């Protein structure tokens, strides 16, 4: 399926947000994910289904200033 991650097209076989996180090798901590500008708590990633043309924003925490 075709989705958009951080405004870039991505083809994935993932059907849930948790599967997408694993596919993208996201770290266990320091990551926030939003779908359509709505934050999705990590506790809901397993049950959050992906759909065609979904817009996902992934933010990784960074140190420094």
N, C-alpha and C. Protein backbone atom coordinates (compact mmCIF):
# COMPACT_ATOMS: atom_id res chain seq x y z
N UNK A 1 0.84 -1.17 0.00
CA UNK A 1 0.00 0.00 0.00
C UNK A 1 0.89 1.24 0.00
N UNK A 2 0.35 2.30 -0.51
CA UNK A 2 1.08 3.57 -0.61
C UNK A 2 0.60 4.49 0.51
N UNK A 3 1.53 4.97 1.33
CA UNK A 3 1.22 5.94 2.38
C UNK A 3 2.21 7.09 2.27
N UNK A 4 2.02 8.12 3.07
CA UNK A 4 2.95 9.24 3.10
C UNK A 4 3.53 9.34 4.51
N UNK A 5 4.85 9.32 4.61
CA UNK A 5 5.53 9.46 5.90
C UNK A 5 6.40 10.70 5.82
N UNK A 6 6.13 11.64 6.69
CA UNK A 6 6.85 12.92 6.71
C UNK A 6 6.86 13.56 5.32
N UNK A 7 5.69 13.56 4.70
CA UNK A 7 5.46 14.18 3.38
C UNK A 7 6.22 13.52 2.24
N UNK A 8 6.62 12.26 2.42
CA UNK A 8 7.27 11.51 1.34
C UNK A 8 6.49 10.22 1.11
N UNK A 9 6.26 9.86 -0.15
CA UNK A 9 5.55 8.61 -0.43
C UNK A 9 6.36 7.40 0.01
N UNK A 10 5.66 6.40 0.53
CA UNK A 10 6.30 5.17 0.98
C UNK A 10 5.39 4.01 0.65
N UNK A 11 5.96 2.97 0.08
CA UNK A 11 5.22 1.75 -0.18
C UNK A 11 5.54 0.77 0.94
N UNK A 12 4.51 0.20 1.56
CA UNK A 12 4.71 -0.68 2.70
C UNK A 12 3.74 -1.85 2.65
N UNK A 13 4.12 -2.93 3.31
CA UNK A 13 3.23 -4.07 3.49
C UNK A 13 2.63 -4.07 4.88
N UNK A 14 3.03 -3.10 5.71
CA UNK A 14 2.52 -3.01 7.08
C UNK A 14 1.03 -2.71 7.07
N UNK A 15 0.30 -3.32 8.01
CA UNK A 15 -1.12 -3.06 8.12
C UNK A 15 -1.47 -2.31 9.40
N UNK A 16 -0.49 -2.19 10.31
CA UNK A 16 -0.71 -1.44 11.55
C UNK A 16 0.46 -0.49 11.77
N UNK A 17 0.24 0.47 12.63
CA UNK A 17 1.28 1.43 12.95
C UNK A 17 2.47 0.74 13.62
N UNK A 18 2.21 -0.26 14.44
CA UNK A 18 3.30 -1.01 15.09
C UNK A 18 4.16 -1.73 14.05
N UNK A 19 3.52 -2.33 13.04
CA UNK A 19 4.27 -3.00 11.99
C UNK A 19 5.10 -2.01 11.19
N UNK A 20 4.56 -0.83 10.93
CA UNK A 20 5.30 0.19 10.21
C UNK A 20 6.50 0.64 11.03
N UNK A 21 6.32 0.82 12.33
CA UNK A 21 7.43 1.22 13.20
C UNK A 21 8.54 0.19 13.17
N UNK A 22 8.18 -1.09 13.18
CA UNK A 22 9.18 -2.15 13.09
C UNK A 22 9.87 -2.15 11.73
N UNK A 23 9.09 -1.96 10.68
CA UNK A 23 9.64 -1.93 9.32
C UNK A 23 10.64 -0.77 9.15
N UNK A 24 10.34 0.36 9.79
CA UNK A 24 11.22 1.53 9.70
C UNK A 24 12.31 1.52 10.77
N UNK A 25 12.33 0.48 11.61
CA UNK A 25 13.32 0.33 12.69
C UNK A 25 13.35 1.55 13.61
N UNK A 26 12.16 2.01 14.00
CA UNK A 26 12.09 3.15 14.91
C UNK A 26 12.55 2.72 16.30
N UNK A 27 13.23 3.60 17.01
CA UNK A 27 13.71 3.26 18.35
C UNK A 27 12.54 3.08 19.33
N UNK A 28 12.80 2.38 20.43
CA UNK A 28 11.77 2.11 21.43
C UNK A 28 11.32 3.37 22.16
N UNK A 29 12.23 4.34 22.30
CA UNK A 29 11.91 5.56 23.04
C UNK A 29 12.29 6.78 22.20
N UNK A 30 11.68 7.90 22.53
CA UNK A 30 12.04 9.15 21.86
C UNK A 30 11.42 9.33 20.50
N UNK A 31 10.27 8.69 20.26
CA UNK A 31 9.59 8.80 18.97
C UNK A 31 8.12 9.14 19.21
N UNK A 32 7.63 10.10 18.45
CA UNK A 32 6.21 10.45 18.49
C UNK A 32 5.66 10.26 17.07
N UNK A 33 4.43 9.77 16.98
CA UNK A 33 3.80 9.53 15.68
C UNK A 33 2.42 10.19 15.67
N UNK A 34 2.14 10.87 14.57
CA UNK A 34 0.83 11.48 14.37
C UNK A 34 0.27 11.00 13.05
N UNK A 35 -1.03 10.79 13.03
CA UNK A 35 -1.74 10.46 11.79
C UNK A 35 -2.74 11.58 11.56
N UNK A 36 -2.58 12.25 10.43
CA UNK A 36 -3.46 13.37 10.14
C UNK A 36 -3.42 14.44 11.22
N UNK A 37 -2.25 14.74 11.73
CA UNK A 37 -2.02 15.76 12.76
C UNK A 37 -2.60 15.41 14.12
N UNK A 38 -2.94 14.14 14.36
CA UNK A 38 -3.42 13.70 15.66
C UNK A 38 -2.42 12.68 16.22
N UNK A 39 -1.86 13.00 17.40
CA UNK A 39 -0.88 12.11 18.01
C UNK A 39 -1.51 10.76 18.34
N UNK A 40 -0.73 9.70 18.13
CA UNK A 40 -1.18 8.35 18.45
C UNK A 40 -0.26 7.80 19.54
N UNK A 41 -0.80 7.55 20.74
CA UNK A 41 0.04 7.00 21.82
C UNK A 41 0.59 5.63 21.42
N UNK A 42 1.80 5.36 21.87
CA UNK A 42 2.45 4.07 21.55
C UNK A 42 1.58 2.90 21.97
N UNK A 43 0.83 3.05 23.03
CA UNK A 43 -0.04 1.96 23.52
C UNK A 43 -1.13 1.58 22.51
N UNK A 44 -1.38 2.46 21.53
CA UNK A 44 -2.40 2.19 20.51
C UNK A 44 -1.83 1.80 19.16
N UNK A 45 -0.51 1.73 19.04
CA UNK A 45 0.11 1.43 17.75
C UNK A 45 -0.33 0.07 17.20
N UNK A 46 -0.45 -0.94 18.06
CA UNK A 46 -0.83 -2.28 17.59
C UNK A 46 -2.22 -2.29 16.97
N UNK A 47 -3.11 -1.49 17.51
CA UNK A 47 -4.49 -1.51 17.04
C UNK A 47 -4.82 -0.40 16.04
N UNK A 48 -3.82 0.41 15.68
CA UNK A 48 -4.04 1.49 14.72
C UNK A 48 -3.76 0.98 13.31
N UNK A 49 -4.82 0.81 12.54
CA UNK A 49 -4.70 0.27 11.19
C UNK A 49 -4.25 1.35 10.21
N UNK A 50 -3.46 0.95 9.25
CA UNK A 50 -3.03 1.85 8.18
C UNK A 50 -3.97 1.70 7.00
N UNK A 51 -4.10 2.78 6.23
CA UNK A 51 -4.91 2.72 5.03
C UNK A 51 -4.22 3.49 3.90
N UNK A 52 -4.62 3.19 2.70
CA UNK A 52 -4.04 3.79 1.49
C UNK A 52 -4.07 5.32 1.60
N UNK A 53 -2.95 5.95 1.21
CA UNK A 53 -2.80 7.41 1.17
C UNK A 53 -2.84 8.09 2.55
N UNK A 54 -2.66 7.32 3.61
CA UNK A 54 -2.64 7.89 4.96
C UNK A 54 -1.42 8.80 5.11
N UNK A 55 -1.58 9.90 5.83
CA UNK A 55 -0.48 10.84 6.08
C UNK A 55 0.00 10.67 7.52
N UNK A 56 1.26 10.25 7.66
CA UNK A 56 1.86 9.96 8.97
C UNK A 56 3.05 10.87 9.17
N UNK A 57 3.16 11.42 10.37
CA UNK A 57 4.30 12.24 10.73
C UNK A 57 5.04 11.54 11.85
N UNK A 58 6.34 11.34 11.68
CA UNK A 58 7.19 10.71 12.69
C UNK A 58 8.20 11.73 13.16
N UNK A 59 8.24 11.94 14.47
CA UNK A 59 9.18 12.90 15.05
C UNK A 59 10.09 12.14 16.01
N UNK A 60 11.39 12.29 15.80
CA UNK A 60 12.38 11.65 16.68
C UNK A 60 13.00 12.73 17.56
N UNK A 61 13.08 12.45 18.86
CA UNK A 61 13.68 13.39 19.80
C UNK A 61 15.18 13.51 19.50
N UNK A 62 15.69 14.71 19.66
CA UNK A 62 17.11 14.95 19.44
C UNK A 62 17.66 15.79 20.59
N UNK A 63 18.88 15.52 20.97
CA UNK A 63 19.53 16.29 22.02
C UNK A 63 20.27 17.47 21.42
N UNK A 64 20.47 18.47 22.21
CA UNK A 64 21.22 19.62 21.73
C UNK A 64 20.37 20.86 21.72
N UNK A 65 20.95 21.91 21.23
CA UNK A 65 20.17 23.14 21.24
C UNK A 65 20.69 24.14 20.27
